[in-house]
Amino acid sequence: MSEPSIIKGIPQPLVRTNQAFIVISVLLSLFTGAYWILALPLAAGLSGLIFGYNPVIKVAAKFLTKERSAYVLEDWEQQQFNQSIAVFCLTAGLVSFLAGWTVAAYIFTIMVAVAATVAILGFCIGCFIHYQWRMYTYRRKQAALHK
């Protein structure tokens, strides 16, 4: 017998903590020139994508004062999509710094920091992209059905 379907959700404070960690890491790396700092949110993000274990979220979860279900829950699938964008940008930024491609490095790192900051403020760019992509694929399927 299978277990009942449980909606996977991540409490919003944990998502915000992860976003703040990304922003702080990017700012520290840019202001100090210690670009290796980008490896920290990159490693946490990769761990979350590959193993389903984001150490930043796990540590932050210890500070939740209520039951997880008492918080606004962010969609797990959507957060995985967003995290994959962040991991791509952090990887591209770090690799660009290591290769000496300073302009590309700044573009990727500033882009991920801006996206995370805007998400903290309430507008999720990754969610918007994900929604548009899903609508595009839905419309394509519908058009194919009506041919």
C-alpha atoms as a PDB file:
ATOM      1  CA  MET A   1       0.000   0.000   0.000  1.00  0.00           C
ATOM      2  CA  SER A   2       1.400   3.398  -0.911  1.00  0.00           C
ATOM      3  CA  GLU A   3       1.478   6.441   1.301  1.00  0.00           C
ATOM      4  CA  PRO A   4      -0.969   9.254   0.612  1.00  0.00           C
ATOM      5  CA  SER A   5       0.319  11.965  -1.680  1.00  0.00           C
ATOM      6  CA  ILE A   6       2.014  14.690   0.317  1.00  0.00           C
ATOM      7  CA  ILE A   7       2.543  18.080  -1.235  1.00  0.00           C
ATOM      8  CA  LYS A   8       6.235  18.880  -1.104  1.00  0.00           C
ATOM      9  CA  GLY A   9       6.678  22.406   0.102  1.00  0.00           C
ATOM     10  CA  ILE A  10       9.512  24.442   1.520  1.00  0.00           C
ATOM     11  CA  PRO A  11       8.650  27.000   4.203  1.00  0.00           C
ATOM     12  CA  GLN A  12       9.087  30.491   2.806  1.00  0.00           C
ATOM     13  CA  PRO A  13      11.577  31.605   5.514  1.00  0.00           C
ATOM     14  CA  LEU A  14      13.907  28.792   4.437  1.00  0.00           C
ATOM     15  CA  VAL A  15      13.678  29.810   0.786  1.00  0.00           C
ATOM     16  CA  ARG A  16      14.361  33.433   1.752  1.00  0.00           C
ATOM     17  CA  THR A  17      17.360  32.354   3.836  1.00  0.00           C
ATOM     18  CA  ASN A  18      18.817  30.481   0.871  1.00  0.00           C
ATOM     19  CA  GLN A  19      18.248  33.522  -1.355  1.00  0.00           C
ATOM     20  CA  ALA A  20      19.887  35.818   1.209  1.00  0.00           C
ATOM     21  CA  PHE A  21      22.855  33.419   1.420  1.00  0.00           C
ATOM     22  CA  ILE A  22      23.293  33.697  -2.346  1.00  0.00           C
ATOM     23  CA  VAL A  23      23.097  37.512  -2.285  1.00  0.00           C
ATOM     24  CA  ILE A  24      25.512  37.859   0.653  1.00  0.00           C
ATOM     25  CA  SER A  25      27.967  35.395  -0.915  1.00  0.00           C
ATOM     26  CA  VAL A  26      27.952  37.200  -4.252  1.00  0.00           C
ATOM     27  CA  LEU A  27      28.392  40.604  -2.611  1.00  0.00           C
ATOM     28  CA  LEU A  28      31.223  39.343  -0.398  1.00  0.00           C
ATOM     29  CA  SER A  29      32.997  37.778  -3.356  1.00  0.00           C
ATOM     30  CA  LEU A  30      32.662  40.923  -5.486  1.00  0.00           C
ATOM     31  CA  PHE A  31      33.698  43.354  -2.762  1.00  0.00           C
ATOM     32  CA  THR A  32      36.603  41.284  -1.424  1.00  0.00           C
ATOM     33  CA  GLY A  33      37.827  39.736  -4.663  1.00  0.00           C
ATOM     34  CA  ALA A  34      37.656  36.317  -2.974  1.00  0.00           C
ATOM     35  CA  TYR A  35      35.752  34.675  -5.805  1.00  0.00           C
ATOM     36  CA  TRP A  36      36.035  31.253  -4.179  1.00  0.00           C
ATOM     37  CA  ILE A  37      33.175  32.419  -1.904  1.00  0.00           C
ATOM     38  CA  LEU A  38      30.865  31.753  -4.874  1.00  0.00           C
ATOM     39  CA  ALA A  39      31.645  28.065  -4.394  1.00  0.00           C
ATOM     40  CA  LEU A  40      29.686  28.057  -1.108  1.00  0.00           C
ATOM     41  CA  PRO A  41      26.188  28.795  -2.477  1.00  0.00           C
ATOM     42  CA  LEU A  42      27.117  26.811  -5.585  1.00  0.00           C
ATOM     43  CA  ALA A  43      27.936  23.712  -3.507  1.00  0.00           C
ATOM     44  CA  ALA A  44      24.779  24.136  -1.408  1.00  0.00           C
ATOM     45  CA  GLY A  45      22.670  24.531  -4.544  1.00  0.00           C
ATOM     46  CA  LEU A  46      24.230  21.539  -6.291  1.00  0.00           C
ATOM     47  CA  SER A  47      23.730  19.437  -3.188  1.00  0.00           C
ATOM     48  CA  GLY A  48      20.070  20.450  -3.121  1.00  0.00           C
ATOM     49  CA  LEU A  49      19.576  19.604  -6.786  1.00  0.00           C
ATOM     50  CA  ILE A  50      21.504  16.335  -6.833  1.00  0.00           C
ATOM     51  CA  PHE A  51      20.844  14.928  -3.368  1.00  0.00           C
ATOM     52  CA  GLY A  52      17.773  16.872  -2.238  1.00  0.00           C
ATOM     53  CA  TYR A  53      19.838  18.181   0.692  1.00  0.00           C
ATOM     54  CA  ASN A  54      20.622  21.900   0.780  1.00  0.00           C
ATOM     55  CA  PRO A  55      22.787  22.507   3.875  1.00  0.00           C
ATOM     56  CA  VAL A  56      21.753  26.183   4.073  1.00  0.00           C
ATOM     57  CA  ILE A  57      18.088  25.198   4.256  1.00  0.00           C
ATOM     58  CA  LYS A  58      18.812  22.356   6.697  1.00  0.00           C
ATOM     59  CA  VAL A  59      20.671  24.676   9.111  1.00  0.00           C
ATOM     60  CA  ALA A  60      18.031  27.399   8.776  1.00  0.00           C
ATOM     61  CA  ALA A  61      15.264  24.843   9.477  1.00  0.00           C
ATOM     62  CA  LYS A  62      16.616  24.453  13.015  1.00  0.00           C
ATOM     63  CA  PHE A  63      15.593  28.052  13.665  1.00  0.00           C
ATOM     64  CA  LEU A  64      11.954  27.693  12.611  1.00  0.00           C
ATOM     65  CA  THR A  65       9.758  28.507  15.590  1.00  0.00           C
ATOM     66  CA  LYS A  66       6.551  26.907  14.297  1.00  0.00           C
ATOM     67  CA  GLU A  67       5.593  23.704  12.560  1.00  0.00           C
ATOM     68  CA  ARG A  68       6.602  23.680   8.892  1.00  0.00           C
ATOM     69  CA  SER A  69       2.952  23.577   7.843  1.00  0.00           C
ATOM     70  CA  ALA A  70       2.287  26.865   9.688  1.00  0.00           C
ATOM     71  CA  TYR A  71       4.415  28.757   7.164  1.00  0.00           C
ATOM     72  CA  VAL A  72       3.606  29.695   3.590  1.00  0.00           C
ATOM     73  CA  LEU A  73       5.020  26.793   1.616  1.00  0.00           C
ATOM     74  CA  GLU A  74       6.908  27.358  -1.607  1.00  0.00           C
ATOM     75  CA  ASP A  75       6.460  24.739  -4.328  1.00  0.00           C
ATOM     76  CA  TRP A  76       9.342  22.253  -4.236  1.00  0.00           C
ATOM     77  CA  GLU A  77       9.399  21.728  -8.016  1.00  0.00           C
ATOM     78  CA  GLN A  78       9.446  25.484  -8.632  1.00  0.00           C
ATOM     79  CA  GLN A  79      12.285  25.933  -6.149  1.00  0.00           C
ATOM     80  CA  GLN A  80      14.269  23.193  -7.873  1.00  0.00           C
ATOM     81  CA  PHE A  81      13.831  25.061 -11.157  1.00  0.00           C
ATOM     82  CA  ASN A  82      14.917  28.336  -9.533  1.00  0.00           C
ATOM     83  CA  GLN A  83      17.876  26.649  -7.862  1.00  0.00           C
ATOM     84  CA  SER A  84      19.002  25.215 -11.194  1.00  0.00           C
ATOM     85  CA  ILE A  85      19.072  28.739 -12.662  1.00  0.00           C
ATOM     86  CA  ALA A  86      21.062  29.978  -9.648  1.00  0.00           C
ATOM     87  CA  VAL A  87      23.503  27.055  -9.931  1.00  0.00           C
ATOM     88  CA  PHE A  88      23.985  27.750 -13.639  1.00  0.00           C
ATOM     89  CA  CYS A  89      24.691  31.452 -13.015  1.00  0.00           C
ATOM     90  CA  LEU A  90      26.988  30.776 -10.041  1.00  0.00           C
ATOM     91  CA  THR A  91      28.901  28.150 -12.030  1.00  0.00           C
ATOM     92  CA  ALA A  92      29.216  30.450 -15.032  1.00  0.00           C
ATOM     93  CA  GLY A  93      30.325  33.294 -12.763  1.00  0.00           C
ATOM     94  CA  LEU A  94      32.919  31.250 -10.887  1.00  0.00           C
ATOM     95  CA  VAL A  95      34.299  29.622 -14.041  1.00  0.00           C
ATOM     96  CA  SER A  96      34.450  33.036 -15.709  1.00  0.00           C
ATOM     97  CA  PHE A  97      36.409  34.511 -12.804  1.00  0.00           C
ATOM     98  CA  LEU A  98      38.809  31.553 -12.860  1.00  0.00           C
ATOM     99  CA  ALA A  99      39.260  31.915 -16.633  1.00  0.00           C
ATOM    100  CA  GLY A 100      39.849  35.653 -16.352  1.00  0.00           C
ATOM    101  CA  TRP A 101      36.649  36.563 -18.190  1.00  0.00           C
ATOM    102  CA  THR A 102      35.817  39.399 -15.827  1.00  0.00           C
ATOM    103  CA  VAL A 103      32.914  40.913 -17.770  1.00  0.00           C
ATOM    104  CA  ALA A 104      31.103  37.563 -18.083  1.00  0.00           C
ATOM    105  CA  ALA A 105      31.846  36.827 -14.425  1.00  0.00           C
ATOM    106  CA  TYR A 106      30.290  40.101 -13.290  1.00  0.00           C
ATOM    107  CA  ILE A 107      27.278  39.623 -15.551  1.00  0.00           C
ATOM    108  CA  PHE A 108      26.481  36.139 -14.214  1.00  0.00           C
ATOM    109  CA  THR A 109      27.138  36.906 -10.556  1.00  0.00           C
ATOM    110  CA  ILE A 110      25.268  40.205 -10.569  1.00  0.00           C
ATOM    111  CA  MET A 111      22.403  38.575 -12.455  1.00  0.00           C
ATOM    112  CA  VAL A 112      21.968  35.851  -9.810  1.00  0.00           C
ATOM    113  CA  ALA A 113      22.283  38.383  -6.968  1.00  0.00           C
ATOM    114  CA  VAL A 114      19.650  40.656  -8.525  1.00  0.00           C
ATOM    115  CA  ALA A 115      17.288  37.731  -9.135  1.00  0.00           C
ATOM    116  CA  ALA A 116      17.665  36.536  -5.533  1.00  0.00           C
ATOM    117  CA  THR A 117      17.207  40.064  -4.172  1.00  0.00           C
ATOM    118  CA  VAL A 118      14.089  40.633  -6.258  1.00  0.00           C
ATOM    119  CA  ALA A 119      12.748  37.254  -5.081  1.00  0.00           C
ATOM    120  CA  ILE A 120      13.311  38.248  -1.451  1.00  0.00           C
ATOM    121  CA  LEU A 121      11.332  41.416  -2.189  1.00  0.00           C
ATOM    122  CA  GLY A 122       8.445  39.380  -3.572  1.00  0.00           C
ATOM    123  CA  PHE A 123       8.807  38.862  -7.335  1.00  0.00           C
ATOM    124  CA  CYS A 124      10.256  35.560  -8.460  1.00  0.00           C
ATOM    125  CA  ILE A 125      11.919  35.884 -11.853  1.00  0.00           C
ATOM    126  CA  GLY A 126      12.508  32.133 -12.025  1.00  0.00           C
ATOM    127  CA  CYS A 127       8.821  31.507 -11.290  1.00  0.00           C
ATOM    128  CA  PHE A 128       7.876  33.864 -14.118  1.00  0.00           C
ATOM    129  CA  ILE A 129      10.230  32.088 -16.545  1.00  0.00           C
ATOM    130  CA  HIS A 130       8.969  28.671 -15.432  1.00  0.00           C
ATOM    131  CA  TYR A 131       5.331  29.719 -15.870  1.00  0.00           C
ATOM    132  CA  GLN A 132       5.985  31.166 -19.334  1.00  0.00           C
ATOM    133  CA  TRP A 133       7.780  27.991 -20.386  1.00  0.00           C
ATOM    134  CA  ARG A 134       4.915  25.794 -19.172  1.00  0.00           C
ATOM    135  CA  MET A 135       2.359  27.954 -20.976  1.00  0.00           C
ATOM    136  CA  TYR A 136       4.415  27.813 -24.158  1.00  0.00           C
ATOM    137  CA  THR A 137       4.608  24.001 -24.058  1.00  0.00           C
ATOM    138  CA  TYR A 138       0.893  23.765 -23.229  1.00  0.00           C
ATOM    139  CA  ARG A 139      -0.045  25.988 -26.193  1.00  0.00           C
ATOM    140  CA  ARG A 140       2.190  23.947 -28.508  1.00  0.00           C
ATOM    141  CA  LYS A 141       0.490  20.714 -27.399  1.00  0.00           C
ATOM    142  CA  GLN A 142      -2.946  22.263 -27.835  1.00  0.00           C
ATOM    143  CA  ALA A 143      -2.083  23.514 -31.310  1.00  0.00           C
ATOM    144  CA  ALA A 144      -0.794  20.056 -32.280  1.00  0.00           C
ATOM    145  CA  LEU A 145      -4.044  18.463 -31.079  1.00  0.00           C
ATOM    146  CA  HIS A 146      -6.157  20.798 -33.207  1.00  0.00           C
ATOM    147  CA  LYS A 147      -4.308  20.271 -36.488  1.00  0.00           C
END
